[in-house]
Amino acid sequence: MARGEGFVIIGLGTFGTTVATELARAGEHVLGIDRHERHVARVADELSEAIIADARDEDALREAGVGAYATVIVGIGEDLEASLLATMNARLLGVKRVWVKAKTRTHHRILLKIGADRVILPEQEIGRHAAQVLRNPQVRDYVSLGNGFHVVEYVASEDMDGWTLDRLKLDDYQDLRALGLMRGTEFVPCTSPETELKAEDKLLLLGRREDFRRFGDVL
């Protein structure tokens, strides 16, 4: 692995293990770190490296070579002190990108203050995601892009079979745009208002939450 590449996952609980193993399956070089032997043993065969170390100890992380990696993800949620110290130590070792899992809003604010690039509140993010999908059965998935913008995947119903994009009246919404649609494994660009939808097409729309709310009510 070249310097400035790869991922370090600190804390191999459910969240950290999931991130680590998914990155490893995608072919990334992943170093997993946890102070509990049983957590390390559980993923040792799946990651590039897995070691027992206390992330509160800057010297232990330096010895593990953490400073040579591009990204550190701190997955320690329950132990506030360990989470904060692991984050600060990653910064002290020169890691350019540090993402951290938080347990509470207070934890979130402190992590931002000490230099975390992104703070993840898994339960709240999953809860918001579930609420959006449950509210409109045609919403299959969505991604928040920041600044109020989202990409939402709508599934065309049987009633919408044969509809054209023009019939959706997207121009009635200030910030709503069709990016394209997935028809099975085929991507169909939405370059014409005459593009026809088929039942079960997955329509990808870019827009703001308020426009999506109004659009969903019309559907």
C-alpha atoms as a PDB file:
ATOM      1  CA  MET A   1       0.000   0.000   0.000  1.00  0.00           C
ATOM      2  CA  ALA A   2       1.354   3.447  -0.949  1.00  0.00           C
ATOM      3  CA  ARG A   3       1.472   6.156   1.692  1.00  0.00           C
ATOM      4  CA  GLY A   4      -1.730   8.212   1.811  1.00  0.00           C
ATOM      5  CA  GLU A   5      -3.992   5.347   0.753  1.00  0.00           C
ATOM      6  CA  GLY A   6      -6.207   2.812   2.521  1.00  0.00           C
ATOM      7  CA  PHE A   7      -8.541   2.921   5.503  1.00  0.00           C
ATOM      8  CA  VAL A   8      -8.174   2.463   9.256  1.00  0.00           C
ATOM      9  CA  ILE A   9     -11.251   1.399  11.194  1.00  0.00           C
ATOM     10  CA  ILE A  10     -10.938   2.039  14.924  1.00  0.00           C
ATOM     11  CA  GLY A  11     -13.517   0.172  16.961  1.00  0.00           C
ATOM     12  CA  LEU A  12     -14.737  -3.130  15.554  1.00  0.00           C
ATOM     13  CA  GLY A  13     -18.235  -3.301  16.963  1.00  0.00           C
ATOM     14  CA  THR A  14     -21.239  -3.743  14.664  1.00  0.00           C
ATOM     15  CA  PHE A  15     -20.783  -0.398  12.891  1.00  0.00           C
ATOM     16  CA  GLY A  16     -17.002  -0.584  12.520  1.00  0.00           C
ATOM     17  CA  THR A  17     -17.027  -4.211  11.423  1.00  0.00           C
ATOM     18  CA  THR A  18     -19.655  -3.525   8.773  1.00  0.00           C
ATOM     19  CA  VAL A  19     -17.692  -0.591   7.327  1.00  0.00           C
ATOM     20  CA  ALA A  20     -14.407  -2.489   7.461  1.00  0.00           C
ATOM     21  CA  THR A  21     -15.635  -5.680   5.807  1.00  0.00           C
ATOM     22  CA  GLU A  22     -17.551  -3.823   3.081  1.00  0.00           C
ATOM     23  CA  LEU A  23     -14.447  -1.796   2.202  1.00  0.00           C
ATOM     24  CA  ALA A  24     -12.338  -4.966   2.195  1.00  0.00           C
ATOM     25  CA  ARG A  25     -14.801  -6.751  -0.096  1.00  0.00           C
ATOM     26  CA  ALA A  26     -14.537  -3.790  -2.462  1.00  0.00           C
ATOM     27  CA  GLY A  27     -10.791  -4.436  -2.710  1.00  0.00           C
ATOM     28  CA  GLU A  28      -9.576  -1.691  -0.361  1.00  0.00           C
ATOM     29  CA  HIS A  29      -6.626  -2.048   2.014  1.00  0.00           C
ATOM     30  CA  VAL A  30      -8.158  -1.962   5.494  1.00  0.00           C
ATOM     31  CA  LEU A  31      -6.488  -1.922   8.897  1.00  0.00           C
ATOM     32  CA  GLY A  32      -8.850  -2.794  11.743  1.00  0.00           C
ATOM     33  CA  ILE A  33      -8.008  -1.759  15.321  1.00  0.00           C
ATOM     34  CA  ASP A  34      -9.763  -2.639  18.554  1.00  0.00           C
ATOM     35  CA  ARG A  35      -8.604  -3.089  22.138  1.00  0.00           C
ATOM     36  CA  HIS A  36     -10.664  -6.254  22.548  1.00  0.00           C
ATOM     37  CA  GLU A  37      -9.082  -9.434  21.225  1.00  0.00           C
ATOM     38  CA  ARG A  38     -12.408 -11.085  20.400  1.00  0.00           C
ATOM     39  CA  HIS A  39     -13.406  -8.211  18.104  1.00  0.00           C
ATOM     40  CA  VAL A  40     -10.108  -8.362  16.249  1.00  0.00           C
ATOM     41  CA  ALA A  41     -10.226 -12.145  15.923  1.00  0.00           C
ATOM     42  CA  ARG A  42     -13.700 -11.961  14.406  1.00  0.00           C
ATOM     43  CA  VAL A  43     -12.517  -9.982  11.351  1.00  0.00           C
ATOM     44  CA  ALA A  44      -8.830 -10.919  11.138  1.00  0.00           C
ATOM     45  CA  ASP A  45      -9.315 -13.169   8.101  1.00  0.00           C
ATOM     46  CA  GLU A  46     -11.379 -10.599   6.185  1.00  0.00           C
ATOM     47  CA  LEU A  47      -9.211  -7.474   6.485  1.00  0.00           C
ATOM     48  CA  SER A  48      -5.749  -6.643   5.174  1.00  0.00           C
ATOM     49  CA  GLU A  49      -4.575  -6.223   8.782  1.00  0.00           C
ATOM     50  CA  ALA A  50      -6.238  -6.410  12.183  1.00  0.00           C
ATOM     51  CA  ILE A  51      -4.469  -5.584  15.436  1.00  0.00           C
ATOM     52  CA  ILE A  52      -5.191  -5.260  19.137  1.00  0.00           C
ATOM     53  CA  ALA A  53      -4.375  -1.724  20.272  1.00  0.00           C
ATOM     54  CA  ASP A  54      -5.777   1.042  22.452  1.00  0.00           C
ATOM     55  CA  ALA A  55      -6.625   4.017  20.216  1.00  0.00           C
ATOM     56  CA  ARG A  56      -6.459   6.324  23.237  1.00  0.00           C
ATOM     57  CA  ASP A  57      -2.667   5.854  23.104  1.00  0.00           C
ATOM     58  CA  GLU A  58      -1.100   8.011  20.381  1.00  0.00           C
ATOM     59  CA  ASP A  59       2.114   5.950  20.458  1.00  0.00           C
ATOM     60  CA  ALA A  60       0.159   2.732  19.876  1.00  0.00           C
ATOM     61  CA  LEU A  61      -1.468   4.200  16.783  1.00  0.00           C
ATOM     62  CA  ARG A  62       1.859   5.553  15.552  1.00  0.00           C
ATOM     63  CA  GLU A  63       3.430   2.123  15.947  1.00  0.00           C
ATOM     64  CA  ALA A  64       0.529   0.614  13.989  1.00  0.00           C
ATOM     65  CA  GLY A  65       1.329   2.971  11.102  1.00  0.00           C
ATOM     66  CA  VAL A  66      -1.981   4.839  11.224  1.00  0.00           C
ATOM     67  CA  GLY A  67      -0.355   8.078  10.028  1.00  0.00           C
ATOM     68  CA  ALA A  68       0.395   6.488   6.648  1.00  0.00           C
ATOM     69  CA  TYR A  69      -3.278   5.971   5.824  1.00  0.00           C
ATOM     70  CA  ALA A  70      -5.574   8.351   3.936  1.00  0.00           C
ATOM     71  CA  THR A  71      -8.686   7.872   6.051  1.00  0.00           C
ATOM     72  CA  VAL A  72      -9.549   6.906   9.612  1.00  0.00           C
ATOM     73  CA  ILE A  73     -13.085   5.925  10.624  1.00  0.00           C
ATOM     74  CA  VAL A  74     -13.629   5.946  14.383  1.00  0.00           C
ATOM     75  CA  GLY A  75     -16.492   3.580  15.137  1.00  0.00           C
ATOM     76  CA  ILE A  76     -16.420   3.878  18.933  1.00  0.00           C
ATOM     77  CA  GLY A  77     -19.825   5.048  20.048  1.00  0.00           C
ATOM     78  CA  GLU A  78     -20.329   4.165  23.713  1.00  0.00           C
ATOM     79  CA  ASP A  79     -16.994   5.305  25.196  1.00  0.00           C
ATOM     80  CA  LEU A  80     -16.950   9.085  24.730  1.00  0.00           C
ATOM     81  CA  GLU A  81     -13.396   9.510  26.040  1.00  0.00           C
ATOM     82  CA  ALA A  82     -12.008   6.814  23.735  1.00  0.00           C
ATOM     83  CA  SER A  83     -13.860   8.263  20.761  1.00  0.00           C
ATOM     84  CA  LEU A  84     -12.508  11.776  21.349  1.00  0.00           C
ATOM     85  CA  LEU A  85      -8.946  10.652  22.017  1.00  0.00           C
ATOM     86  CA  ALA A  86      -8.907   8.357  18.975  1.00  0.00           C
ATOM     87  CA  THR A  87     -10.103  11.262  16.821  1.00  0.00           C
ATOM     88  CA  MET A  88      -7.496  13.671  18.179  1.00  0.00           C
ATOM     89  CA  ASN A  89      -4.728  11.085  17.860  1.00  0.00           C
ATOM     90  CA  ALA A  90      -5.599  10.448  14.211  1.00  0.00           C
ATOM     91  CA  ARG A  91      -5.332  14.187  13.585  1.00  0.00           C
ATOM     92  CA  LEU A  92      -2.027  14.429  15.469  1.00  0.00           C
ATOM     93  CA  LEU A  93      -0.625  11.651  13.290  1.00  0.00           C
ATOM     94  CA  GLY A  94      -1.463  13.622  10.167  1.00  0.00           C
ATOM     95  CA  VAL A  95      -4.409  11.645   8.805  1.00  0.00           C
ATOM     96  CA  LYS A  96      -6.118  13.850   6.206  1.00  0.00           C
ATOM     97  CA  ARG A  97      -9.668  12.531   6.518  1.00  0.00           C
ATOM     98  CA  VAL A  98     -11.293  11.476   9.792  1.00  0.00           C
ATOM     99  CA  TRP A  99     -14.886  10.256  10.001  1.00  0.00           C
ATOM    100  CA  VAL A 100     -16.381   9.461  13.403  1.00  0.00           C
ATOM    101  CA  LYS A 101     -19.488   7.713  14.682  1.00  0.00           C
ATOM    102  CA  ALA A 102     -21.333   9.675  17.364  1.00  0.00           C
ATOM    103  CA  LYS A 103     -23.856   8.518  19.917  1.00  0.00           C
ATOM    104  CA  THR A 104     -25.520  11.829  20.804  1.00  0.00           C
ATOM    105  CA  ARG A 105     -25.867  15.390  19.517  1.00  0.00           C
ATOM    106  CA  THR A 106     -23.457  16.603  22.210  1.00  0.00           C
ATOM    107  CA  HIS A 107     -20.919  13.996  21.131  1.00  0.00           C
ATOM    108  CA  HIS A 108     -21.484  15.194  17.544  1.00  0.00           C
ATOM    109  CA  ARG A 109     -20.747  18.849  18.409  1.00  0.00           C
ATOM    110  CA  ILE A 110     -17.589  18.017  20.360  1.00  0.00           C
ATOM    111  CA  LEU A 111     -16.220  15.864  17.539  1.00  0.00           C
ATOM    112  CA  LEU A 112     -16.673  18.682  15.036  1.00  0.00           C
ATOM    113  CA  LYS A 113     -14.872  21.055  17.401  1.00  0.00           C
ATOM    114  CA  ILE A 114     -11.816  18.803  17.632  1.00  0.00           C
ATOM    115  CA  GLY A 115     -11.467  18.338  13.898  1.00  0.00           C
ATOM    116  CA  ALA A 116     -13.596  15.432  12.656  1.00  0.00           C
ATOM    117  CA  ASP A 117     -14.336  15.878   8.944  1.00  0.00           C
ATOM    118  CA  ARG A 118     -17.667  14.108   9.158  1.00  0.00           C
ATOM    119  CA  VAL A 119     -19.694  12.882  12.114  1.00  0.00           C
ATOM    120  CA  ILE A 120     -22.167  10.060  11.607  1.00  0.00           C
ATOM    121  CA  LEU A 121     -25.234   9.510  13.792  1.00  0.00           C
ATOM    122  CA  PRO A 122     -26.244   6.066  12.453  1.00  0.00           C
ATOM    123  CA  GLU A 123     -29.521   5.626  14.332  1.00  0.00           C
ATOM    124  CA  GLN A 124     -30.796   9.093  13.426  1.00  0.00           C
ATOM    125  CA  GLU A 125     -29.678   8.823   9.801  1.00  0.00           C
ATOM    126  CA  ILE A 126     -31.353   5.425   9.426  1.00  0.00           C
ATOM    127  CA  GLY A 127     -34.455   6.751  11.160  1.00  0.00           C
ATOM    128  CA  ARG A 128     -34.743   9.703   8.779  1.00  0.00           C
ATOM    129  CA  HIS A 129     -34.167   7.393   5.830  1.00  0.00           C
ATOM    130  CA  ALA A 130     -36.885   4.986   6.992  1.00  0.00           C
ATOM    131  CA  ALA A 131     -39.357   7.838   7.549  1.00  0.00           C
ATOM    132  CA  GLN A 132     -38.843   9.165   4.027  1.00  0.00           C
ATOM    133  CA  VAL A 133     -39.341   5.735   2.464  1.00  0.00           C
ATOM    134  CA  LEU A 134     -42.350   4.852   4.641  1.00  0.00           C
ATOM    135  CA  ARG A 135     -44.066   8.162   3.898  1.00  0.00           C
ATOM    136  CA  ASN A 136     -44.183   7.484   0.168  1.00  0.00           C
ATOM    137  CA  PRO A 137     -44.302   3.810  -0.933  1.00  0.00           C
ATOM    138  CA  GLN A 138     -42.938   4.791  -4.358  1.00  0.00           C
ATOM    139  CA  VAL A 139     -39.679   6.046  -2.823  1.00  0.00           C
ATOM    140  CA  ARG A 140     -37.202   3.182  -2.936  1.00  0.00           C
ATOM    141  CA  ASP A 141     -34.144   5.049  -1.705  1.00  0.00           C
ATOM    142  CA  TYR A 142     -32.649   8.519  -1.311  1.00  0.00           C
ATOM    143  CA  VAL A 143     -29.294  10.210  -0.718  1.00  0.00           C
ATOM    144  CA  SER A 144     -28.740  13.588   0.933  1.00  0.00           C
ATOM    145  CA  LEU A 145     -26.220  15.747  -0.945  1.00  0.00           C
ATOM    146  CA  GLY A 146     -26.154  18.650   1.504  1.00  0.00           C
ATOM    147  CA  ASN A 147     -27.421  22.233   1.132  1.00  0.00           C
ATOM    148  CA  GLY A 148     -30.972  20.859   1.123  1.00  0.00           C
ATOM    149  CA  PHE A 149     -30.548  18.783  -2.023  1.00  0.00           C
ATOM    150  CA  HIS A 150     -31.366  15.075  -2.322  1.00  0.00           C
ATOM    151  CA  VAL A 151     -31.305  12.402  -4.992  1.00  0.00           C
ATOM    152  CA  VAL A 152     -34.452  10.292  -4.679  1.00  0.00           C
ATOM    153  CA  GLU A 153     -35.236   7.005  -6.415  1.00  0.00           C
ATOM    154  CA  TYR A 154     -38.917   6.640  -7.292  1.00  0.00           C
ATOM    155  CA  VAL A 155     -40.348   3.357  -8.547  1.00  0.00           C
ATOM    156  CA  ALA A 156     -42.913   3.789 -11.340  1.00  0.00           C
ATOM    157  CA  SER A 157     -46.209   2.160 -10.420  1.00  0.00           C
ATOM    158  CA  GLU A 158     -48.403   0.090 -12.749  1.00  0.00           C
ATOM    159  CA  ASP A 159     -50.612   3.157 -13.198  1.00  0.00           C
ATOM    160  CA  MET A 160     -47.612   5.124 -14.507  1.00  0.00           C
ATOM    161  CA  ASP A 161     -46.792   2.613 -17.250  1.00  0.00           C
ATOM    162  CA  GLY A 162     -46.613   4.551 -20.517  1.00  0.00           C
ATOM    163  CA  TRP A 163     -46.426   7.974 -18.887  1.00  0.00           C
ATOM    164  CA  THR A 164     -44.003  10.452 -20.436  1.00  0.00           C
ATOM    165  CA  LEU A 165     -41.698  12.634 -18.366  1.00  0.00           C
ATOM    166  CA  ASP A 166     -43.706  15.621 -19.540  1.00  0.00           C
ATOM    167  CA  ARG A 167     -46.754  14.223 -17.728  1.00  0.00           C
ATOM    168  CA  LEU A 168     -44.877  14.402 -14.414  1.00  0.00           C
ATOM    169  CA  LYS A 169     -44.754  18.216 -14.817  1.00  0.00           C
ATOM    170  CA  LEU A 170     -41.328  18.507 -13.230  1.00  0.00           C
ATOM    171  CA  ASP A 171     -41.058  22.074 -14.556  1.00  0.00           C
ATOM    172  CA  ASP A 172     -43.705  23.057 -12.009  1.00  0.00           C
ATOM    173  CA  TYR A 173     -41.055  22.613  -9.296  1.00  0.00           C
ATOM    174  CA  GLN A 174     -38.215  25.105  -9.060  1.00  0.00           C
ATOM    175  CA  ASP A 175     -35.404  22.676  -8.162  1.00  0.00           C
ATOM    176  CA  LEU A 176     -36.634  19.277  -9.378  1.00  0.00           C
ATOM    177  CA  ARG A 177     -34.710  17.597 -12.200  1.00  0.00           C
ATOM    178  CA  ALA A 178     -34.768  14.096 -13.737  1.00  0.00           C
ATOM    179  CA  LEU A 179     -31.257  12.610 -13.842  1.00  0.00           C
ATOM    180  CA  GLY A 180     -32.242   9.411 -15.630  1.00  0.00           C
ATOM    181  CA  LEU A 181     -33.901   6.099 -14.928  1.00  0.00           C
ATOM    182  CA  MET A 182     -32.894   2.493 -14.426  1.00  0.00           C
ATOM    183  CA  ARG A 183     -34.836  -0.089 -16.411  1.00  0.00           C
ATOM    184  CA  GLY A 184     -33.584  -3.372 -15.022  1.00  0.00           C
ATOM    185  CA  THR A 185     -29.809  -3.097 -15.458  1.00  0.00           C
ATOM    186  CA  GLU A 186     -30.059  -0.504 -18.252  1.00  0.00           C
ATOM    187  CA  PHE A 187     -29.614   3.239 -17.639  1.00  0.00           C
ATOM    188  CA  VAL A 188     -31.967   5.383 -19.728  1.00  0.00           C
ATOM    189  CA  PRO A 189     -31.071   9.100 -19.912  1.00  0.00           C
ATOM    190  CA  CYS A 190     -33.954  11.534 -19.459  1.00  0.00           C
ATOM    191  CA  THR A 191     -32.964  13.899 -22.243  1.00  0.00           C
ATOM    192  CA  SER A 192     -36.433  14.317 -23.752  1.00  0.00           C
ATOM    193  CA  PRO A 193     -39.808  15.176 -22.179  1.00  0.00           C
ATOM    194  CA  GLU A 194     -41.216  12.413 -24.374  1.00  0.00           C
ATOM    195  CA  THR A 195     -39.187   9.689 -22.619  1.00  0.00           C
ATOM    196  CA  GLU A 196     -41.672   6.983 -21.594  1.00  0.00           C
ATOM    197  CA  LEU A 197     -41.805   5.294 -18.225  1.00  0.00           C
ATOM    198  CA  LYS A 198     -42.527   1.623 -17.746  1.00  0.00           C
ATOM    199  CA  ALA A 199     -43.852  -0.006 -14.587  1.00  0.00           C
ATOM    200  CA  GLU A 200     -41.029  -0.773 -12.136  1.00  0.00           C
ATOM    201  CA  ASP A 201     -38.652   1.776 -13.728  1.00  0.00           C
ATOM    202  CA  LYS A 202     -36.518   3.493 -11.091  1.00  0.00           C
ATOM    203  CA  LEU A 203     -36.603   7.219 -11.743  1.00  0.00           C
ATOM    204  CA  LEU A 204     -33.723   9.250 -10.275  1.00  0.00           C
ATOM    205  CA  LEU A 205     -34.667  12.812  -9.348  1.00  0.00           C
ATOM    206  CA  LEU A 206     -32.538  15.643  -7.977  1.00  0.00           C
ATOM    207  CA  GLY A 207     -34.210  18.315  -5.896  1.00  0.00           C
ATOM    208  CA  ARG A 208     -35.006  19.919  -2.566  1.00  0.00           C
ATOM    209  CA  ARG A 209     -37.098  18.347   0.176  1.00  0.00           C
ATOM    210  CA  GLU A 210     -40.064  20.714  -0.169  1.00  0.00           C
ATOM    211  CA  ASP A 211     -40.367  20.037  -3.898  1.00  0.00           C
ATOM    212  CA  PHE A 212     -40.173  16.290  -3.263  1.00  0.00           C
ATOM    213  CA  ARG A 213     -42.932  16.584  -0.666  1.00  0.00           C
ATOM    214  CA  ARG A 214     -45.223  18.368  -3.125  1.00  0.00           C
ATOM    215  CA  PHE A 215     -44.295  15.979  -5.936  1.00  0.00           C
ATOM    216  CA  GLY A 216     -45.051  12.940  -3.753  1.00  0.00           C
ATOM    217  CA  ASP A 217     -48.447  14.349  -2.802  1.00  0.00           C
ATOM    218  CA  VAL A 218     -49.365  14.711  -6.498  1.00  0.00           C
ATOM    219  CA  LEU A 219     -48.296  11.140  -7.270  1.00  0.00           C
END
